[in-house]
Protein backbone atom coordinates (compact mmCIF):
# COMPACT_ATOMS: atom_id res chain seq x y z
CA MET A 1 -7.34 24.82 -9.57
CA ARG A 2 -6.99 21.29 -8.03
CA ARG A 3 -3.48 19.56 -8.79
CA LEU A 4 -4.25 16.62 -11.84
CA PRO A 5 -2.25 13.52 -12.34
CA PRO A 6 -0.36 12.94 -15.74
CA LEU A 7 -2.27 12.85 -19.32
CA THR A 8 -0.27 9.68 -19.75
CA ALA A 9 -0.72 8.01 -16.60
CA VAL A 10 -3.97 7.60 -16.87
CA GLU A 11 -4.03 7.27 -20.67
CA ALA A 12 -1.70 4.05 -19.20
CA PHE A 13 -4.48 3.13 -16.62
CA VAL A 14 -7.05 3.28 -18.89
CA GLN A 15 -6.12 0.97 -22.37
CA VAL A 16 -4.44 -1.70 -19.15
CA ALA A 17 -8.23 -1.85 -17.77
CA ARG A 18 -9.14 -2.14 -21.63
CA LEU A 19 -6.68 -4.72 -22.45
CA GLY A 20 -6.33 -6.93 -19.54
CA SER A 21 -2.29 -6.75 -19.85
CA VAL A 22 0.22 -4.22 -19.23
CA LYS A 23 2.18 -6.03 -22.55
CA ALA A 24 -0.86 -5.94 -24.64
CA ALA A 25 -1.58 -2.14 -23.44
CA ALA A 26 1.85 -1.36 -24.08
CA GLU A 27 2.10 -2.45 -27.38
CA GLU A 28 -0.45 -0.34 -28.24
CA LEU A 29 1.08 2.70 -26.34
CA ALA A 30 4.66 1.77 -28.51
CA LEU A 31 5.74 1.93 -25.00
CA SER A 32 8.19 -0.58 -22.92
CA SER A 33 6.46 -3.09 -20.52
CA PRO A 34 8.22 -1.31 -17.65
CA ALA A 35 7.58 2.65 -18.92
CA LEU A 36 3.74 1.34 -18.76
CA SER A 37 3.97 0.45 -15.26
CA ARG A 38 5.71 2.50 -13.89
CA ARG A 39 2.63 5.14 -15.42
CA VAL A 40 0.15 3.56 -14.20
CA GLN A 41 1.79 3.09 -10.98
CA ALA A 42 2.16 6.88 -10.73
CA LEU A 43 -1.66 6.93 -11.00
CA GLU A 44 -1.45 4.95 -8.17
CA ARG A 45 0.37 6.55 -5.75
CA PHE A 46 -1.20 9.93 -7.02
CA VAL A 47 -4.83 8.90 -5.86
CA GLY A 48 -2.96 6.70 -2.68
CA ARG A 49 -4.23 3.38 -3.62
CA SER A 50 -3.67 -0.10 -5.62
CA LEU A 51 -6.32 0.25 -8.54
CA PHE A 52 -5.49 -3.29 -9.99
CA GLU A 53 -5.25 -7.06 -8.94
CA ARG A 54 -1.75 -8.23 -10.22
CA ARG A 55 -1.87 -11.59 -11.31
CA HIS A 56 0.85 -13.40 -13.76
CA GLN A 57 0.10 -11.86 -17.02
CA ALA A 58 -2.88 -10.27 -16.14
CA MET A 59 -3.74 -6.89 -14.66
CA ILE A 60 -7.18 -7.23 -13.64
CA LEU A 61 -9.23 -3.97 -11.88
CA ASN A 62 -10.15 -4.32 -8.17
CA ALA A 63 -13.54 -2.30 -7.24
CA GLU A 64 -12.07 0.61 -7.07
CA GLY A 65 -10.34 1.04 -10.27
CA GLU A 66 -13.52 -0.31 -11.60
CA ILE A 67 -15.02 3.12 -10.29
CA LEU A 68 -12.14 5.09 -11.55
CA LEU A 69 -12.26 3.83 -15.03
CA GLY A 70 -15.88 4.71 -15.71
CA ARG A 71 -15.26 7.95 -14.62
CA LEU A 72 -12.40 8.49 -16.72
CA ALA A 73 -12.99 6.67 -19.27
CA PRO A 74 -15.56 8.65 -21.17
CA ALA A 75 -13.65 11.94 -20.37
CA LEU A 76 -10.52 10.16 -21.80
CA ASP A 77 -12.66 9.08 -25.05
CA GLN A 78 -14.16 13.15 -25.18
CA LEU A 79 -11.14 14.07 -25.54
CA ALA A 80 -9.63 12.10 -28.43
CA GLU A 81 -12.39 12.74 -30.29
CA ALA A 82 -12.29 16.59 -29.52
CA ILE A 83 -8.53 16.67 -30.55
CA ASP A 84 -9.93 14.12 -33.86
CA MET A 85 -12.09 17.02 -34.81
CA THR A 86 -9.75 19.93 -34.73
CA THR A 87 -7.24 17.87 -36.91
CA GLY A 88 -9.68 16.96 -38.69
CA GLU A 89 -9.35 13.25 -38.33
CA ALA A 90 -12.65 12.58 -37.80
CA GLU A 91 -13.85 12.46 -41.13
CA ILE A 92 -14.94 8.61 -41.58
CA VAL A 93 -13.98 6.27 -39.51
CA ARG A 94 -15.01 2.66 -40.10
CA LEU A 95 -15.76 -0.51 -38.81
CA ARG A 96 -15.90 -4.50 -40.32
CA LEU A 97 -18.86 -5.86 -38.46
CA ALA A 98 -18.94 -9.88 -38.81
CA VAL A 99 -22.69 -10.18 -37.32
CA THR A 100 -25.40 -13.51 -37.72
CA PRO A 101 -27.74 -12.17 -40.00
CA LEU A 102 -30.98 -12.80 -37.70
CA PHE A 103 -29.09 -10.41 -35.24
CA ALA A 104 -28.80 -8.33 -38.05
CA SER A 105 -32.11 -8.23 -39.19
CA GLN A 106 -34.26 -8.28 -35.75
CA ARG A 107 -31.94 -6.67 -33.46
CA LEU A 108 -29.35 -4.82 -35.05
CA MET A 109 -30.50 -2.37 -38.24
CA HIS A 110 -33.30 -0.67 -36.76
CA ARG A 111 -30.90 0.73 -34.18
CA LEU A 112 -28.22 1.86 -36.35
CA PRO A 113 -29.80 5.48 -37.23
CA GLU A 114 -29.51 6.32 -33.37
CA LEU A 115 -25.99 5.06 -34.19
CA ARG A 116 -25.57 7.31 -37.55
CA GLY A 117 -27.09 10.22 -35.22
CA ARG A 118 -25.02 10.18 -32.71
CA HIS A 119 -21.24 9.40 -34.66
CA PRO A 120 -21.81 10.37 -38.72
CA GLU A 121 -17.97 10.07 -39.02
CA LEU A 122 -18.96 5.99 -38.28
CA HIS A 123 -19.51 3.45 -41.49
CA ILE A 124 -19.84 -0.11 -40.82
CA ASP A 125 -19.31 -2.38 -43.65
CA ILE A 126 -21.70 -5.61 -42.50
CA ASP A 127 -20.02 -9.09 -43.15
CA THR A 128 -22.76 -12.35 -42.52
CA ALA A 129 -20.01 -14.76 -43.44
CA ALA A 130 -19.19 -17.36 -41.24
CA HIS A 131 -16.46 -18.43 -38.42
CA SER A 132 -16.15 -14.69 -37.83
CA LEU A 133 -14.47 -15.45 -35.21
CA ALA A 134 -11.46 -16.66 -36.37
CA ARG A 135 -11.22 -13.89 -39.09
CA LEU A 136 -11.57 -11.27 -36.38
CA SER A 137 -7.90 -9.01 -37.73
CA GLU A 138 -8.22 -11.06 -40.58
CA GLY A 139 -10.48 -8.41 -42.52
CA ILE A 140 -13.02 -8.30 -39.56
CA ASP A 141 -12.77 -5.58 -36.77
CA ALA A 142 -15.71 -6.79 -34.01
CA ALA A 143 -18.11 -9.41 -34.38
CA ILE A 144 -21.49 -10.49 -33.10
CA VAL A 145 -21.87 -14.05 -32.66
CA LEU A 146 -24.12 -16.53 -31.12
CA ALA A 147 -21.76 -18.85 -28.82
CA ARG A 148 -21.72 -21.01 -25.18
CA ASP A 149 -18.52 -19.22 -24.81
CA ILE A 150 -15.83 -17.10 -26.40
CA ASP A 151 -12.19 -17.84 -26.52
CA PRO A 152 -10.50 -15.62 -23.17
CA SER A 153 -7.92 -14.75 -25.13
CA LEU A 154 -10.58 -12.43 -27.00
CA TYR A 155 -12.52 -10.01 -25.30
CA ALA A 156 -15.93 -10.31 -25.14
CA HIS A 157 -19.60 -8.88 -23.42
CA ARG A 158 -22.14 -11.10 -23.20
CA LEU A 159 -25.29 -9.53 -24.49
CA ASP A 160 -27.96 -11.76 -23.80
CA ARG A 161 -29.08 -14.88 -21.32
CA ASN A 162 -32.08 -16.62 -23.63
CA LYS A 163 -34.50 -19.05 -23.57
CA VAL A 164 -35.13 -22.45 -25.96
CA LEU A 165 -38.29 -22.16 -26.71
CA ALA A 166 -40.52 -24.85 -29.27
CA ILE A 167 -41.73 -22.80 -32.16
CA ALA A 168 -44.01 -24.41 -35.43
CA SER A 169 -47.27 -23.38 -37.29
CA ARG A 170 -49.91 -23.06 -35.90
CA ARG A 171 -51.28 -25.99 -38.47
CA VAL A 172 -48.88 -28.04 -36.92
CA VAL A 173 -50.85 -27.87 -33.61
CA GLU A 174 -54.48 -28.09 -35.14
CA GLY A 175 -56.47 -30.72 -36.02
CA ALA A 176 -55.90 -34.49 -35.62
CA GLY A 177 -52.73 -35.74 -35.48
CA GLY A 178 -51.18 -32.31 -34.03
CA VAL A 179 -48.12 -31.52 -32.01
CA LYS A 180 -50.31 -30.74 -28.50
CA ARG A 181 -47.94 -33.00 -26.62
CA PRO A 182 -44.18 -33.36 -26.02
CA GLU A 183 -44.75 -36.83 -26.54
CA ASP A 184 -46.14 -35.98 -30.35
CA LEU A 185 -42.27 -34.77 -30.92
CA HIS A 186 -42.16 -38.99 -31.83
CA HIS A 187 -43.57 -38.38 -35.22
CA ALA A 188 -42.52 -34.59 -36.13
CA THR A 189 -39.50 -33.11 -37.85
CA ILE A 190 -37.65 -30.99 -35.90
CA LEU A 191 -35.85 -28.18 -36.77
CA ILE A 192 -31.97 -26.63 -35.55
CA HIS A 193 -29.96 -24.20 -35.90
CA ARG A 194 -25.76 -25.25 -36.95
CA ASP A 195 -24.79 -23.05 -34.43
CA MET A 196 -27.20 -24.41 -31.85
CA PRO A 197 -26.26 -27.62 -31.76
CA ASP A 198 -27.92 -28.82 -28.14
CA THR A 199 -30.63 -26.79 -28.16
CA PHE A 200 -33.18 -29.80 -28.94
CA GLU A 201 -30.88 -31.59 -26.61
CA THR A 202 -30.84 -29.05 -23.35
CA TRP A 203 -34.95 -28.97 -23.57
CA ARG A 204 -35.46 -32.40 -23.80
CA GLU A 205 -33.09 -33.10 -20.53
CA ALA A 206 -34.65 -29.72 -18.63
CA ALA A 207 -38.05 -30.85 -19.62
CA GLY A 208 -37.29 -34.42 -17.86
CA LEU A 209 -38.42 -36.03 -21.58
CA PRO A 210 -35.11 -38.11 -21.96
CA GLN A 211 -36.53 -40.27 -24.03
CA ILE A 212 -38.14 -38.26 -26.32
CA GLU A 213 -36.75 -39.19 -29.93
CA PRO A 214 -38.30 -36.99 -32.91
CA GLY A 215 -38.86 -38.53 -35.82
CA ALA A 216 -36.32 -36.78 -38.12
CA VAL A 217 -34.02 -34.20 -37.31
CA ASP A 218 -33.13 -31.17 -40.45
CA HIS A 219 -30.39 -28.88 -40.12
CA PHE A 220 -29.90 -24.92 -40.84
CA ASP A 221 -27.62 -22.46 -41.10
CA SER A 222 -30.13 -19.62 -41.06
CA GLY A 223 -31.67 -18.36 -38.33
CA GLN A 224 -34.38 -16.58 -40.60
CA LEU A 225 -34.50 -19.46 -42.51
CA ILE A 226 -35.58 -21.40 -40.08
CA LEU A 227 -38.46 -19.70 -39.10
CA ASP A 228 -39.81 -19.49 -42.07
CA ALA A 229 -39.52 -23.07 -42.73
CA ALA A 230 -41.32 -23.76 -38.67
CA ALA A 231 -44.06 -21.00 -40.24
CA GLN A 232 -44.40 -23.15 -43.40
CA GLY A 233 -45.32 -26.27 -41.15
CA LEU A 234 -42.09 -27.67 -41.73
CA GLY A 235 -41.28 -28.66 -38.53
CA VAL A 236 -40.71 -27.95 -35.19
CA ALA A 237 -38.20 -25.77 -34.54
CA PHE A 238 -35.91 -25.13 -31.39
CA MET A 239 -34.70 -21.03 -30.83
CA HIS A 240 -34.79 -18.63 -28.51
CA GLU A 241 -37.28 -16.66 -27.46
CA SER A 242 -35.97 -13.53 -28.56
CA HIS A 243 -35.94 -14.89 -32.19
CA PHE A 244 -39.72 -15.95 -31.42
CA ASP A 245 -40.99 -12.51 -30.14
CA ASP A 246 -39.25 -10.80 -32.57
CA ALA A 247 -40.50 -12.31 -35.99
CA HIS A 248 -43.26 -10.23 -35.32
CA ASP A 249 -45.08 -13.92 -37.17
CA ASP A 250 -48.77 -14.56 -36.94
CA ARG A 251 -47.94 -17.62 -38.06
CA LEU A 252 -46.13 -18.95 -35.42
CA VAL A 253 -46.94 -20.12 -32.13
CA ARG A 254 -44.81 -21.31 -29.03
CA LEU A 255 -45.59 -24.98 -28.31
CA PHE A 256 -45.90 -26.10 -24.30
CA ASP A 257 -44.60 -24.61 -21.11
CA PHE A 258 -41.68 -25.08 -20.42
CA ASP A 259 -39.30 -22.35 -19.19
CA VAL A 260 -35.54 -23.89 -20.49
CA ASP A 261 -32.75 -21.90 -19.93
CA SER A 262 -30.35 -21.62 -23.42
CA PRO A 263 -26.35 -22.96 -23.40
CA TYR A 264 -26.06 -20.31 -25.88
CA SER A 265 -25.76 -16.24 -25.56
CA TYR A 266 -25.23 -13.41 -27.78
CA TRP A 267 -21.64 -12.12 -27.76
CA PHE A 268 -19.62 -8.96 -29.30
CA ALA A 269 -16.10 -10.55 -29.55
CA CYS A 270 -12.85 -8.91 -30.76
CA ARG A 271 -9.03 -8.88 -30.03
CA ARG A 272 -7.86 -7.25 -26.97
CA SER A 273 -6.15 -4.84 -28.87
CA SER A 274 -9.24 -3.57 -30.68
CA LEU A 275 -10.92 -2.42 -27.98
CA SER A 276 -9.21 0.34 -28.07
CA ARG A 277 -9.73 1.74 -31.72
CA ARG A 278 -11.99 4.49 -32.26
CA PRO A 279 -14.70 2.78 -34.41
CA VAL A 280 -15.04 -0.42 -31.98
CA LYS A 281 -15.02 1.41 -28.50
CA ILE A 282 -17.36 3.82 -30.30
CA PHE A 283 -19.90 0.32 -31.65
CA HIS A 284 -18.84 -1.71 -28.39
CA ASP A 285 -20.16 1.33 -26.26
CA TRP A 286 -23.50 2.10 -27.61
CA LEU A 287 -24.06 -1.49 -28.55
CA VAL A 288 -23.64 -1.83 -24.47
CA ALA A 289 -25.63 0.47 -24.09
CA GLU A 290 -28.69 -0.38 -26.33
CA VAL A 291 -28.40 -3.35 -24.50
CA ALA A 292 -28.73 -2.44 -21.22
CA ARG A 293 -31.89 -0.06 -21.97
CA GLY A 294 -33.45 -3.17 -23.72
């Protein structure tokens, strides 16, 4: 049998790669930083090459490290799961997930049965309250948020890139006085989500129409309520293309023909130390794979 590196060296490498810091990985594994560094160096000696770019207070995987992580991490996770199953510690694992209500209803809930089929031991507490990132590690393990970017002290994975659309009820478009041209927004009410305050400004500038000033601006803290308000003819909503497509609401139509990149994206975020916890890791890997499949 071919000689293998020490399992402790493999574990140290994977933790540093996931957390991006020797200090954070050492805390997770209850080791001193020098001891953890020695384990990583032992693996590098074994494979005969450097696996990280070493920066001040950070360890960044190089290309060869990325390849090795992709091969080792799944095997290490399977090994940990096998041990849990054998020792009876896999009966229930619980994830406390904060998620925006519209993402949950449009893009998450119908996929969860597949996750449950793969991991019946994983149970998820859903939290749709605001300020989820501020509550990480204070009742929340991970969050799916809509934001421009994420604090670099947190682990974050972008889940999508989107377009900003003008969305309205058919009756807002049809008939005399309908909103048929961008200039017609001068007498219209526009609907904006509080988590996406710059959507209209971004759309207006990208469309080359900085002079457009709407008749009024109404703000909502619920994406579903904005869609409902638009469908009822209460105004023109500026939302993401995915929100429009996933609504499957025949009352709604897209206005105009401008292809405008949104400054906002959905992100999966958690504290870096949380990513090594089994429920967070299971959900993260499954969600990223689901997003990649579309």
